[in-house]
Amino acid sequence: MSTIAPAAVRRIHETVTAKGFHMLDAPVSGGDVGAKAGTLSIMVGGTPEDFERARPVFEAMGKTITLCGPAGAGQLVKACNQIVGALVLNAISEALVFGRAAGVDPEIMIRVLQGGVAATRAMEVRGARMAKGDFAPGFKAAHHLKDLRIVIDEARAMGLTLPTTSSVAEMLATLVREGKGTLDNSSILTMVERASGAAQAARS
């Protein structure tokens, strides 16, 4: 259930099935909030038969439980999840920087956006805390960087370039280099502030 490289999962799956064992890859999304509530989204790779055998275990932990395909497919869907999660946090960060500079109350902005088409789970869970500059960890920046590096490596192997994902990964890498990797991944806001020239002291 760790988030690891899809290629690694396929190698492990080949090894264990050759010895007569069964394996599923089943990374999760939902963060600490979903884990505590038992509402995680679980992305599973493996055979339908093994998936059904494991379903009662998954149902004890998650709400959205999906067989995504053969071995490694769970990791591939999790990679997609991590791309979207990173880019959404970046978008929220840019909206906060822009709104503050324009004189908009950030907490009001978050509340209004969450009521419209811009609403996201990330904004619901992290938006108000980001507006206050509270980066106590839920999902650490260093862990999200690890996941994005898996994404970028997998994309490179497929001959793909993911420019915005790579940019956000570099911001997370800067946080880690500066000893801030244990902050919540929403601390990417501080990197957007730095890039835009916005002073952190401008937070209200």
Foldseek 3Di string as FASTA:
>chain_A
DDQDFLVVQVVVQVVQVVVVDADKDWDWDDFPVQQVVLAIAIEIAADPVVCVVCVVVNSSRHDHYDDQYHRSRRNVVVLVVLLVVLVLLVVLLVVLLVCLVVPHQQVVVLVVCCVDPNNDPCSVVCVVVVLQVNFQARPFLLNSLNSLVSSCVVCVVVVHDDVVSVVSSVLSVVCVVVVNRNTYNSCSSVVVCVVVVHDPVSRD
